[in-house]
All heavy atoms as atom14 arrays in JSON, in Angstrom:
{
  "sequence": "PIAASVLAGLFISAFGALIGIISLYLLFEDKLGAEGAT",
  "atom14_mask": [
    [1, 1, 1, 1, 1, 1, 1, 0, 0, 0, 0, 0, 0, 0],
    [1, 1, 1, 1, 1, 1, 1, 1, 0, 0, 0, 0, 0, 0],
    [1, 1, 1, 1, 1, 0, 0, 0, 0, 0, 0, 0, 0, 0],
    [1, 1, 1, 1, 1, 0, 0, 0, 0, 0, 0, 0, 0, 0],
    [1, 1, 1, 1, 1, 1, 0, 0, 0, 0, 0, 0, 0, 0],
    [1, 1, 1, 1, 1, 1, 1, 0, 0, 0, 0, 0, 0, 0],
    [1, 1, 1, 1, 1, 1, 1, 1, 0, 0, 0, 0, 0, 0],
    [1, 1, 1, 1, 1, 0, 0, 0, 0, 0, 0, 0, 0, 0],
    [1, 1, 1, 1, 0, 0, 0, 0, 0, 0, 0, 0, 0, 0],
    [1, 1, 1, 1, 1, 1, 1, 1, 0, 0, 0, 0, 0, 0],
    [1, 1, 1, 1, 1, 1, 1, 1, 1, 1, 1, 0, 0, 0],
    [1, 1, 1, 1, 1, 1, 1, 1, 0, 0, 0, 0, 0, 0],
    [1, 1, 1, 1, 1, 1, 0, 0, 0, 0, 0, 0, 0, 0],
    [1, 1, 1, 1, 1, 0, 0, 0, 0, 0, 0, 0, 0, 0],
    [1, 1, 1, 1, 1, 1, 1, 1, 1, 1, 1, 0, 0, 0],
    [1, 1, 1, 1, 0, 0, 0, 0, 0, 0, 0, 0, 0, 0],
    [1, 1, 1, 1, 1, 0, 0, 0, 0, 0, 0, 0, 0, 0],
    [1, 1, 1, 1, 1, 1, 1, 1, 0, 0, 0, 0, 0, 0],
    [1, 1, 1, 1, 1, 1, 1, 1, 0, 0, 0, 0, 0, 0],
    [1, 1, 1, 1, 0, 0, 0, 0, 0, 0, 0, 0, 0, 0],
    [1, 1, 1, 1, 1, 1, 1, 1, 0, 0, 0, 0, 0, 0],
    [1, 1, 1, 1, 1, 1, 1, 1, 0, 0, 0, 0, 0, 0],
    [1, 1, 1, 1, 1, 1, 0, 0, 0, 0, 0, 0, 0, 0],
    [1, 1, 1, 1, 1, 1, 1, 1, 0, 0, 0, 0, 0, 0],
    [1, 1, 1, 1, 1, 1, 1, 1, 1, 1, 1, 1, 0, 0],
    [1, 1, 1, 1, 1, 1, 1, 1, 0, 0, 0, 0, 0, 0],
    [1, 1, 1, 1, 1, 1, 1, 1, 0, 0, 0, 0, 0, 0],
    [1, 1, 1, 1, 1, 1, 1, 1, 1, 1, 1, 0, 0, 0],
    [1, 1, 1, 1, 1, 1, 1, 1, 1, 0, 0, 0, 0, 0],
    [1, 1, 1, 1, 1, 1, 1, 1, 0, 0, 0, 0, 0, 0],
    [1, 1, 1, 1, 1, 1, 1, 1, 1, 0, 0, 0, 0, 0],
    [1, 1, 1, 1, 1, 1, 1, 1, 0, 0, 0, 0, 0, 0],
    [1, 1, 1, 1, 0, 0, 0, 0, 0, 0, 0, 0, 0, 0],
    [1, 1, 1, 1, 1, 0, 0, 0, 0, 0, 0, 0, 0, 0],
    [1, 1, 1, 1, 1, 1, 1, 1, 1, 0, 0, 0, 0, 0],
    [1, 1, 1, 1, 0, 0, 0, 0, 0, 0, 0, 0, 0, 0],
    [1, 1, 1, 1, 1, 0, 0, 0, 0, 0, 0, 0, 0, 0],
    [1, 1, 1, 1, 1, 1, 1, 0, 0, 0, 0, 0, 0, 0]
  ],
  "atom14_positions": [
    [[103.33, 36.28, 129.6], [104.28, 37.35, 129.98], [104.46, 38.46, 128.97], [104.47, 39.62, 129.34], [105.57, 36.56, 130.22], [105.15, 35.21, 130.65], [103.87, 34.95, 129.83], [0.0, 0.0, 0.0], [0.0, 0.0, 0.0], [0.0, 0.0, 0.0], [0.0, 0.0, 0.0], [0.0, 0.0, 0.0], [0.0, 0.0, 0.0], [0.0, 0.0, 0.0]],
    [[104.66, 38.12, 127.67], [104.88, 39.18, 126.69], [103.6, 40.0, 126.51], [103.65, 41.25, 126.48], [105.33, 38.59, 125.33], [106.72, 37.98, 125.48], [105.33, 39.68, 124.24], [107.25, 37.33, 124.19], [0.0, 0.0, 0.0], [0.0, 0.0, 0.0], [0.0, 0.0, 0.0], [0.0, 0.0, 0.0], [0.0, 0.0, 0.0], [0.0, 0.0, 0.0]],
    [[102.46, 39.37, 126.47], [101.18, 40.07, 126.37], [100.95, 41.01, 127.53], [100.53, 42.11, 127.4], [100.02, 39.08, 126.23], [0.0, 0.0, 0.0], [0.0, 0.0, 0.0], [0.0, 0.0, 0.0], [0.0, 0.0, 0.0], [0.0, 0.0, 0.0], [0.0, 0.0, 0.0], [0.0, 0.0, 0.0], [0.0, 0.0, 0.0], [0.0, 0.0, 0.0]],
    [[101.35, 40.52, 128.72], [101.19, 41.34, 129.94], [102.08, 42.57, 129.86], [101.69, 43.68, 130.26], [101.55, 40.52, 131.2], [0.0, 0.0, 0.0], [0.0, 0.0, 0.0], [0.0, 0.0, 0.0], [0.0, 0.0, 0.0], [0.0, 0.0, 0.0], [0.0, 0.0, 0.0], [0.0, 0.0, 0.0], [0.0, 0.0, 0.0], [0.0, 0.0, 0.0]],
    [[103.3, 42.41, 129.32], [104.21, 43.54, 129.15], [103.72, 44.53, 128.13], [103.84, 45.75, 128.3], [105.59, 43.0, 128.8], [106.14, 42.19, 129.84], [0.0, 0.0, 0.0], [0.0, 0.0, 0.0], [0.0, 0.0, 0.0], [0.0, 0.0, 0.0], [0.0, 0.0, 0.0], [0.0, 0.0, 0.0], [0.0, 0.0, 0.0], [0.0, 0.0, 0.0]],
    [[103.18, 44.03, 127.05], [102.58, 44.91, 126.02], [101.44, 45.7, 126.61], [101.35, 46.92, 126.45], [102.1, 44.1, 124.79], [101.3, 44.97, 123.85], [103.29, 43.48, 124.06], [0.0, 0.0, 0.0], [0.0, 0.0, 0.0], [0.0, 0.0, 0.0], [0.0, 0.0, 0.0], [0.0, 0.0, 0.0], [0.0, 0.0, 0.0], [0.0, 0.0, 0.0]],
    [[100.56, 45.04, 127.33], [99.42, 45.69, 127.96], [99.9, 46.78, 128.92], [99.37, 47.9, 128.96], [98.53, 44.68, 128.68], [97.29, 45.25, 129.37], [96.35, 45.84, 128.34], [96.59, 44.16, 130.19], [0.0, 0.0, 0.0], [0.0, 0.0, 0.0], [0.0, 0.0, 0.0], [0.0, 0.0, 0.0], [0.0, 0.0, 0.0], [0.0, 0.0, 0.0]],
    [[100.91, 46.45, 129.72], [101.47, 47.45, 130.66], [102.07, 48.64, 129.94], [101.82, 49.79, 130.34], [102.54, 46.76, 131.55], [0.0, 0.0, 0.0], [0.0, 0.0, 0.0], [0.0, 0.0, 0.0], [0.0, 0.0, 0.0], [0.0, 0.0, 0.0], [0.0, 0.0, 0.0], [0.0, 0.0, 0.0], [0.0, 0.0, 0.0], [0.0, 0.0, 0.0]],
    [[102.8, 48.35, 128.88], [103.43, 49.45, 128.1], [102.37, 50.38, 127.46], [102.53, 51.59, 127.5], [0.0, 0.0, 0.0], [0.0, 0.0, 0.0], [0.0, 0.0, 0.0], [0.0, 0.0, 0.0], [0.0, 0.0, 0.0], [0.0, 0.0, 0.0], [0.0, 0.0, 0.0], [0.0, 0.0, 0.0], [0.0, 0.0, 0.0], [0.0, 0.0, 0.0]],
    [[101.3, 49.78, 126.95], [100.28, 50.59, 126.35], [99.5, 51.4, 127.41], [99.11, 52.56, 127.15], [99.27, 49.7, 125.59], [99.83, 48.99, 124.36], [98.78, 48.1, 123.71], [100.32, 49.99, 123.33], [0.0, 0.0, 0.0], [0.0, 0.0, 0.0], [0.0, 0.0, 0.0], [0.0, 0.0, 0.0], [0.0, 0.0, 0.0], [0.0, 0.0, 0.0]],
    [[99.3, 50.81, 128.55], [98.61, 51.56, 129.63], [99.44, 52.74, 130.05], [98.94, 53.86, 130.21], [98.35, 50.65, 130.83], [97.68, 51.34, 131.97], [96.3, 51.46, 132.04], [98.47, 51.88, 133.0], [95.71, 52.1, 133.08], [97.84, 52.57, 134.06], [96.46, 52.68, 134.11], [0.0, 0.0, 0.0], [0.0, 0.0, 0.0], [0.0, 0.0, 0.0]],
    [[100.74, 52.56, 130.22], [101.63, 53.64, 130.62], [101.65, 54.74, 129.57], [101.55, 55.92, 129.89], [103.05, 53.1, 130.87], [103.07, 52.19, 132.11], [104.06, 54.25, 131.05], [104.34, 51.34, 132.21], [0.0, 0.0, 0.0], [0.0, 0.0, 0.0], [0.0, 0.0, 0.0], [0.0, 0.0, 0.0], [0.0, 0.0, 0.0], [0.0, 0.0, 0.0]],
    [[101.76, 54.35, 128.33], [101.77, 55.32, 127.24], [100.48, 56.1, 127.16], [100.49, 57.36, 127.04], [102.0, 54.61, 125.9], [103.33, 54.03, 125.91], [0.0, 0.0, 0.0], [0.0, 0.0, 0.0], [0.0, 0.0, 0.0], [0.0, 0.0, 0.0], [0.0, 0.0, 0.0], [0.0, 0.0, 0.0], [0.0, 0.0, 0.0], [0.0, 0.0, 0.0]],
    [[99.34, 55.42, 127.23], [98.05, 56.07, 127.13], [97.78, 56.98, 128.3], [97.3, 58.12, 128.16], [96.94, 55.02, 127.04], [0.0, 0.0, 0.0], [0.0, 0.0, 0.0], [0.0, 0.0, 0.0], [0.0, 0.0, 0.0], [0.0, 0.0, 0.0], [0.0, 0.0, 0.0], [0.0, 0.0, 0.0], [0.0, 0.0, 0.0], [0.0, 0.0, 0.0]],
    [[98.09, 56.53, 129.52], [97.9, 57.38, 130.69], [98.84, 58.58, 130.66], [98.5, 59.68, 131.04], [98.16, 56.56, 131.97], [97.82, 57.3, 133.23], [96.48, 57.53, 133.56], [98.82, 57.75, 134.08], [96.16, 58.22, 134.72], [98.47, 58.45, 135.24], [97.15, 58.69, 135.56], [0.0, 0.0, 0.0], [0.0, 0.0, 0.0], [0.0, 0.0, 0.0]],
    [[100.08, 58.38, 130.13], [100.95, 59.49, 129.95], [100.43, 60.52, 129.02], [100.58, 61.75, 129.24], [0.0, 0.0, 0.0], [0.0, 0.0, 0.0], [0.0, 0.0, 0.0], [0.0, 0.0, 0.0], [0.0, 0.0, 0.0], [0.0, 0.0, 0.0], [0.0, 0.0, 0.0], [0.0, 0.0, 0.0], [0.0, 0.0, 0.0], [0.0, 0.0, 0.0]],
    [[99.77, 60.08, 127.94], [99.11, 61.02, 127.01], [98.05, 61.86, 127.68], [97.89, 63.04, 127.43], [98.52, 60.25, 125.83], [0.0, 0.0, 0.0], [0.0, 0.0, 0.0], [0.0, 0.0, 0.0], [0.0, 0.0, 0.0], [0.0, 0.0, 0.0], [0.0, 0.0, 0.0], [0.0, 0.0, 0.0], [0.0, 0.0, 0.0], [0.0, 0.0, 0.0]],
    [[97.3, 61.19, 128.59], [96.26, 61.91, 129.31], [96.87, 62.98, 130.22], [96.4, 64.16, 130.23], [95.47, 60.92, 130.17], [94.37, 61.56, 131.09], [93.35, 62.34, 130.33], [93.73, 60.48, 131.96], [0.0, 0.0, 0.0], [0.0, 0.0, 0.0], [0.0, 0.0, 0.0], [0.0, 0.0, 0.0], [0.0, 0.0, 0.0], [0.0, 0.0, 0.0]],
    [[97.93, 62.61, 130.96], [98.61, 63.61, 131.77], [99.18, 64.74, 130.9], [99.15, 65.92, 131.24], [99.73, 62.97, 132.59], [99.21, 61.87, 133.51], [100.52, 64.01, 133.36], [98.22, 62.36, 134.54], [0.0, 0.0, 0.0], [0.0, 0.0, 0.0], [0.0, 0.0, 0.0], [0.0, 0.0, 0.0], [0.0, 0.0, 0.0], [0.0, 0.0, 0.0]],
    [[99.63, 64.35, 129.7], [100.17, 65.34, 128.77], [99.17, 66.39, 128.34], [99.45, 67.57, 128.34], [0.0, 0.0, 0.0], [0.0, 0.0, 0.0], [0.0, 0.0, 0.0], [0.0, 0.0, 0.0], [0.0, 0.0, 0.0], [0.0, 0.0, 0.0], [0.0, 0.0, 0.0], [0.0, 0.0, 0.0], [0.0, 0.0, 0.0], [0.0, 0.0, 0.0]],
    [[97.95, 65.95, 127.96], [96.97, 66.92, 127.47], [96.43, 67.8, 128.61], [96.17, 68.98, 128.42], [95.8, 66.27, 126.72], [94.96, 65.35, 127.61], [96.31, 65.53, 125.5], [93.65, 64.92, 126.98], [0.0, 0.0, 0.0], [0.0, 0.0, 0.0], [0.0, 0.0, 0.0], [0.0, 0.0, 0.0], [0.0, 0.0, 0.0], [0.0, 0.0, 0.0]],
    [[96.31, 67.21, 129.81], [95.89, 68.03, 130.97], [96.95, 69.06, 131.29], [96.65, 70.24, 131.55], [95.6, 67.14, 132.19], [94.38, 66.23, 131.92], [95.42, 67.97, 133.42], [94.12, 65.2, 132.99], [0.0, 0.0, 0.0], [0.0, 0.0, 0.0], [0.0, 0.0, 0.0], [0.0, 0.0, 0.0], [0.0, 0.0, 0.0], [0.0, 0.0, 0.0]],
    [[98.22, 68.67, 131.23], [99.33, 69.6, 131.49], [99.37, 70.7, 130.41], [99.61, 71.87, 130.77], [100.68, 68.85, 131.54], [100.65, 67.9, 132.58], [0.0, 0.0, 0.0], [0.0, 0.0, 0.0], [0.0, 0.0, 0.0], [0.0, 0.0, 0.0], [0.0, 0.0, 0.0], [0.0, 0.0, 0.0], [0.0, 0.0, 0.0], [0.0, 0.0, 0.0]],
    [[99.17, 70.34, 129.17], [99.16, 71.32, 128.11], [98.06, 72.34, 128.36], [98.23, 73.58, 128.16], [98.96, 70.69, 126.74], [100.17, 70.21, 125.97], [99.74, 69.69, 124.6], [101.21, 71.32, 125.8], [0.0, 0.0, 0.0], [0.0, 0.0, 0.0], [0.0, 0.0, 0.0], [0.0, 0.0, 0.0], [0.0, 0.0, 0.0], [0.0, 0.0, 0.0]],
    [[96.9, 71.88, 128.76], [95.76, 72.74, 129.07], [96.17, 73.74, 130.15], [95.96, 74.96, 130.03], [94.53, 71.94, 129.44], [93.36, 72.84, 129.82], [92.43, 73.18, 128.83], [93.18, 73.3, 131.11], [91.35, 74.02, 129.14], [92.11, 74.13, 131.43], [91.22, 74.48, 130.42], [90.15, 75.31, 130.75], [0.0, 0.0, 0.0], [0.0, 0.0, 0.0]],
    [[96.7, 73.21, 131.25], [97.09, 74.08, 132.38], [98.21, 75.06, 131.98], [98.31, 76.18, 132.47], [97.53, 73.19, 133.55], [96.48, 72.3, 134.14], [97.11, 71.41, 135.2], [95.35, 73.1, 134.73], [0.0, 0.0, 0.0], [0.0, 0.0, 0.0], [0.0, 0.0, 0.0], [0.0, 0.0, 0.0], [0.0, 0.0, 0.0], [0.0, 0.0, 0.0]],
    [[99.06, 74.61, 131.07], [100.18, 75.4, 130.61], [99.75, 76.6, 129.78], [100.33, 77.71, 129.83], [101.14, 74.54, 129.81], [102.6, 74.89, 129.71], [103.25, 75.1, 131.06], [103.34, 73.82, 128.92], [0.0, 0.0, 0.0], [0.0, 0.0, 0.0], [0.0, 0.0, 0.0], [0.0, 0.0, 0.0], [0.0, 0.0, 0.0], [0.0, 0.0, 0.0]],
    [[98.67, 76.44, 128.98], [98.26, 77.42, 128.01], [96.97, 78.13, 128.36], [96.6, 79.07, 127.62], [98.12, 76.76, 126.64], [99.36, 76.15, 126.07], [99.3, 75.08, 125.19], [100.61, 76.65, 126.46], [100.47, 74.54, 124.7], [101.79, 76.12, 125.96], [101.72, 75.05, 125.08], [0.0, 0.0, 0.0], [0.0, 0.0, 0.0], [0.0, 0.0, 0.0]],
    [[96.28, 77.8, 129.38], [95.01, 78.4, 129.7], [95.09, 79.89, 129.87], [94.21, 80.62, 129.39], [94.37, 77.74, 130.95], [92.99, 78.23, 131.23], [92.39, 77.63, 132.49], [93.14, 77.09, 133.33], [91.15, 77.62, 132.61], [0.0, 0.0, 0.0], [0.0, 0.0, 0.0], [0.0, 0.0, 0.0], [0.0, 0.0, 0.0], [0.0, 0.0, 0.0]],
    [[96.13, 80.34, 130.53], [96.24, 81.79, 130.76], [96.56, 82.57, 129.49], [96.27, 83.77, 129.38], [97.3, 82.12, 131.83], [98.68, 81.65, 131.4], [98.81, 80.66, 130.61], [99.69, 82.26, 131.84], [0.0, 0.0, 0.0], [0.0, 0.0, 0.0], [0.0, 0.0, 0.0], [0.0, 0.0, 0.0], [0.0, 0.0, 0.0], [0.0, 0.0, 0.0]],
    [[97.13, 81.93, 128.49], [97.48, 82.59, 127.23], [96.39, 82.48, 126.17], [96.22, 83.35, 125.34], [98.8, 81.99, 126.68], [99.99, 82.21, 127.58], [101.24, 81.56, 126.99], [102.42, 81.79, 127.9], [102.2, 81.19, 129.26], [0.0, 0.0, 0.0], [0.0, 0.0, 0.0], [0.0, 0.0, 0.0], [0.0, 0.0, 0.0], [0.0, 0.0, 0.0]],
    [[95.71, 81.34, 126.16], [94.73, 81.06, 125.12], [93.27, 81.02, 125.59], [92.37, 80.95, 124.75], [95.06, 79.7, 124.48], [96.46, 79.52, 123.85], [96.66, 78.1, 123.36], [96.65, 80.49, 122.7], [0.0, 0.0, 0.0], [0.0, 0.0, 0.0], [0.0, 0.0, 0.0], [0.0, 0.0, 0.0], [0.0, 0.0, 0.0], [0.0, 0.0, 0.0]],
    [[93.08, 81.05, 126.89], [91.76, 80.87, 127.4], [91.36, 79.41, 127.42], [92.07, 78.56, 126.88], [0.0, 0.0, 0.0], [0.0, 0.0, 0.0], [0.0, 0.0, 0.0], [0.0, 0.0, 0.0], [0.0, 0.0, 0.0], [0.0, 0.0, 0.0], [0.0, 0.0, 0.0], [0.0, 0.0, 0.0], [0.0, 0.0, 0.0], [0.0, 0.0, 0.0]],
    [[90.23, 79.1, 128.02], [89.8, 77.7, 128.13], [89.58, 77.04, 126.78], [90.04, 75.94, 126.56], [88.53, 77.59, 128.96], [0.0, 0.0, 0.0], [0.0, 0.0, 0.0], [0.0, 0.0, 0.0], [0.0, 0.0, 0.0], [0.0, 0.0, 0.0], [0.0, 0.0, 0.0], [0.0, 0.0, 0.0], [0.0, 0.0, 0.0], [0.0, 0.0, 0.0]],
    [[88.97, 77.74, 125.85], [88.68, 77.19, 124.54], [89.99, 76.96, 123.76], [90.17, 75.93, 123.16], [87.76, 78.13, 123.73], [87.37, 77.53, 122.4], [86.45, 78.49, 121.62], [85.89, 79.42, 122.23], [86.28, 78.25, 120.4], [0.0, 0.0, 0.0], [0.0, 0.0, 0.0], [0.0, 0.0, 0.0], [0.0, 0.0, 0.0], [0.0, 0.0, 0.0]],
    [[90.85, 77.95, 123.81], [92.14, 77.84, 123.08], [93.03, 76.77, 123.63], [93.7, 76.03, 122.9], [0.0, 0.0, 0.0], [0.0, 0.0, 0.0], [0.0, 0.0, 0.0], [0.0, 0.0, 0.0], [0.0, 0.0, 0.0], [0.0, 0.0, 0.0], [0.0, 0.0, 0.0], [0.0, 0.0, 0.0], [0.0, 0.0, 0.0], [0.0, 0.0, 0.0]],
    [[93.06, 76.61, 124.98], [93.9, 75.6, 125.61], [93.35, 74.2, 125.28], [94.17, 73.28, 125.05], [93.94, 75.81, 127.11], [0.0, 0.0, 0.0], [0.0, 0.0, 0.0], [0.0, 0.0, 0.0], [0.0, 0.0, 0.0], [0.0, 0.0, 0.0], [0.0, 0.0, 0.0], [0.0, 0.0, 0.0], [0.0, 0.0, 0.0], [0.0, 0.0, 0.0]],
    [[92.03, 74.04, 125.23], [91.45, 72.8, 124.84], [91.78, 72.46, 123.36], [92.07, 71.31, 123.04], [89.92, 72.83, 125.02], [89.62, 73.12, 126.37], [89.28, 71.49, 124.62], [0.0, 0.0, 0.0], [0.0, 0.0, 0.0], [0.0, 0.0, 0.0], [0.0, 0.0, 0.0], [0.0, 0.0, 0.0], [0.0, 0.0, 0.0], [0.0, 0.0, 0.0]]
  ]
}
């Protein structure tokens, strides 16, 4: 059970980070261009 909860927490955090960088890219692409947003 504890290991399963740790795994779930890490998955949520990691997937959240992915959504975060994609959102940052979309947020800044018009200001920085594709290279700058990346």
